[in-house]
């Protein structure tokens, strides 16, 4: 927000605000600004919450059992063992 101003510029702005509004009025202005900002955020949050597309999409996740490396998978009875014994040429 204040990327190009720097610390000295911000201090100068604070001194000018103090001279313009006086030390008694600055806390009231700060509170009013804070309330306004809070109401704005609540209003924006309410608007975003009213939209039906703002709800997160529900996904179904399918799990798959994986055998650790080095272990042979469980074999069904009657399954041929010849497929597991085939080797690729090296």
C-alpha atoms as a PDB file:
ATOM      1  CA  UNK A   1       0.000   0.000   0.000  1.00  0.00           C
ATOM      2  CA  UNK A   2       2.762   2.438   0.951  1.00  0.00           C
ATOM      3  CA  UNK A   3       5.514   0.874  -1.169  1.00  0.00           C
ATOM      4  CA  UNK A   4       6.740   4.103  -2.752  1.00  0.00           C
ATOM      5  CA  UNK A   5       6.354   6.410   0.260  1.00  0.00           C
ATOM      6  CA  UNK A   6       8.874   5.084   2.769  1.00  0.00           C
ATOM      7  CA  UNK A   7       9.150   5.694   6.499  1.00  0.00           C
ATOM      8  CA  UNK A   8       9.905   9.414   6.252  1.00  0.00           C
ATOM      9  CA  UNK A   9       6.862   9.976   4.017  1.00  0.00           C
ATOM     10  CA  UNK A  10       4.558   8.169   6.437  1.00  0.00           C
ATOM     11  CA  UNK A  11       5.908  10.227   9.349  1.00  0.00           C
ATOM     12  CA  UNK A  12       5.323  13.417   7.363  1.00  0.00           C
ATOM     13  CA  UNK A  13       1.721  12.375   6.661  1.00  0.00           C
ATOM     14  CA  UNK A  14       1.144  11.645  10.360  1.00  0.00           C
ATOM     15  CA  UNK A  15       2.505  15.071  11.362  1.00  0.00           C
ATOM     16  CA  UNK A  16       0.268  16.798   8.805  1.00  0.00           C
ATOM     17  CA  UNK A  17      -2.774  14.834  10.065  1.00  0.00           C
ATOM     18  CA  UNK A  18      -1.909  15.818  13.640  1.00  0.00           C
ATOM     19  CA  UNK A  19      -1.692  19.486  12.667  1.00  0.00           C
ATOM     20  CA  UNK A  20      -4.939  19.406  10.674  1.00  0.00           C
ATOM     21  CA  UNK A  21      -7.151  17.494  13.100  1.00  0.00           C
ATOM     22  CA  UNK A  22      -5.469  18.039  16.449  1.00  0.00           C
ATOM     23  CA  UNK A  23      -4.512  15.465  19.079  1.00  0.00           C
ATOM     24  CA  UNK A  24      -8.071  15.139  20.466  1.00  0.00           C
ATOM     25  CA  UNK A  25      -9.746  14.345  17.145  1.00  0.00           C
ATOM     26  CA  UNK A  26      -7.258  11.734  15.804  1.00  0.00           C
ATOM     27  CA  UNK A  27      -8.362   8.829  18.084  1.00  0.00           C
ATOM     28  CA  UNK A  28     -11.994   9.420  17.099  1.00  0.00           C
ATOM     29  CA  UNK A  29     -11.057   9.392  13.422  1.00  0.00           C
ATOM     30  CA  UNK A  30      -9.087   6.169  13.906  1.00  0.00           C
ATOM     31  CA  UNK A  31     -12.021   4.459  15.614  1.00  0.00           C
ATOM     32  CA  UNK A  32     -14.437   5.625  12.914  1.00  0.00           C
ATOM     33  CA  UNK A  33     -12.088   4.376  10.207  1.00  0.00           C
ATOM     34  CA  UNK A  34     -11.754   1.011  11.982  1.00  0.00           C
ATOM     35  CA  UNK A  35     -15.534   0.619  12.312  1.00  0.00           C
ATOM     36  CA  UNK A  36     -16.045   1.522   8.660  1.00  0.00           C
ATOM     37  CA  UNK A  37     -13.408  -0.960   7.541  1.00  0.00           C
ATOM     38  CA  UNK A  38     -14.884  -3.731   9.729  1.00  0.00           C
ATOM     39  CA  UNK A  39     -18.409  -3.106   8.360  1.00  0.00           C
ATOM     40  CA  UNK A  40     -17.076  -3.140   4.817  1.00  0.00           C
ATOM     41  CA  UNK A  41     -15.348  -6.483   5.389  1.00  0.00           C
ATOM     42  CA  UNK A  42     -18.487  -7.985   6.973  1.00  0.00           C
ATOM     43  CA  UNK A  43     -20.606  -6.776   4.050  1.00  0.00           C
ATOM     44  CA  UNK A  44     -18.178  -8.223   1.527  1.00  0.00           C
ATOM     45  CA  UNK A  45     -18.122 -11.520   3.443  1.00  0.00           C
ATOM     46  CA  UNK A  46     -21.941 -11.618   3.472  1.00  0.00           C
ATOM     47  CA  UNK A  47     -22.114 -10.965  -0.264  1.00  0.00           C
ATOM     48  CA  UNK A  48     -19.588 -13.710  -0.990  1.00  0.00           C
ATOM     49  CA  UNK A  49     -21.455 -16.102   1.323  1.00  0.00           C
ATOM     50  CA  UNK A  50     -24.798 -15.555  -0.448  1.00  0.00           C
ATOM     51  CA  UNK A  51     -23.587 -16.905  -3.787  1.00  0.00           C
ATOM     52  CA  UNK A  52     -24.332 -20.602  -4.301  1.00  0.00           C
ATOM     53  CA  UNK A  53     -21.174 -21.062  -6.407  1.00  0.00           C
ATOM     54  CA  UNK A  54     -19.017 -19.988  -3.475  1.00  0.00           C
ATOM     55  CA  UNK A  55     -19.600 -23.308  -1.708  1.00  0.00           C
ATOM     56  CA  UNK A  56     -16.706 -25.747  -2.089  1.00  0.00           C
ATOM     57  CA  UNK A  57     -17.286 -28.595  -4.506  1.00  0.00           C
ATOM     58  CA  UNK A  58     -17.715 -31.962  -2.869  1.00  0.00           C
ATOM     59  CA  UNK A  59     -15.486 -34.686  -4.238  1.00  0.00           C
ATOM     60  CA  UNK A  60     -15.612 -38.416  -3.701  1.00  0.00           C
ATOM     61  CA  UNK A  61     -12.225 -40.022  -3.295  1.00  0.00           C
ATOM     62  CA  UNK A  62     -11.672 -43.642  -4.201  1.00  0.00           C
ATOM     63  CA  UNK A  63      -8.908 -45.443  -2.321  1.00  0.00           C
ATOM     64  CA  UNK A  64      -6.774 -48.168  -3.854  1.00  0.00           C
ATOM     65  CA  UNK A  65      -4.779 -50.727  -1.870  1.00  0.00           C
ATOM     66  CA  UNK A  66      -1.148 -50.829  -2.976  1.00  0.00           C
ATOM     67  CA  UNK A  67       1.308 -53.585  -2.079  1.00  0.00           C
ATOM     68  CA  UNK A  68       4.709 -52.401  -0.838  1.00  0.00           C
ATOM     69  CA  UNK A  69       7.650 -52.936  -3.191  1.00  0.00           C
ATOM     70  CA  UNK A  70       9.372 -56.293  -2.805  1.00  0.00           C
ATOM     71  CA  UNK A  71       6.247 -58.179  -1.761  1.00  0.00           C
ATOM     72  CA  UNK A  72       4.218 -60.308  -4.074  1.00  0.00           C
ATOM     73  CA  UNK A  73       0.513 -59.544  -4.280  1.00  0.00           C
ATOM     74  CA  UNK A  74      -1.904 -62.063  -2.807  1.00  0.00           C
ATOM     75  CA  UNK A  75      -2.893 -64.655  -5.414  1.00  0.00           C
ATOM     76  CA  UNK A  76      -6.379 -65.937  -5.954  1.00  0.00           C
ATOM     77  CA  UNK A  77      -6.772 -69.701  -5.934  1.00  0.00           C
ATOM     78  CA  UNK A  78      -6.507 -71.182  -9.410  1.00  0.00           C
ATOM     79  CA  UNK A  79      -4.564 -68.209 -10.833  1.00  0.00           C
ATOM     80  CA  UNK A  80      -1.703 -69.124 -13.132  1.00  0.00           C
ATOM     81  CA  UNK A  81       1.793 -68.569 -11.752  1.00  0.00           C
ATOM     82  CA  UNK A  82       3.368 -68.475 -15.229  1.00  0.00           C
ATOM     83  CA  UNK A  83       2.702 -64.747 -15.677  1.00  0.00           C
ATOM     84  CA  UNK A  84       4.754 -63.945 -12.591  1.00  0.00           C
ATOM     85  CA  UNK A  85       7.638 -66.174 -13.705  1.00  0.00           C
ATOM     86  CA  UNK A  86       8.162 -64.487 -17.084  1.00  0.00           C
ATOM     87  CA  UNK A  87      11.196 -62.244 -17.270  1.00  0.00           C
ATOM     88  CA  UNK A  88      12.097 -59.490 -19.643  1.00  0.00           C
ATOM     89  CA  UNK A  89      15.389 -59.742 -21.539  1.00  0.00           C
ATOM     90  CA  UNK A  90      18.182 -57.873 -19.809  1.00  0.00           C
END
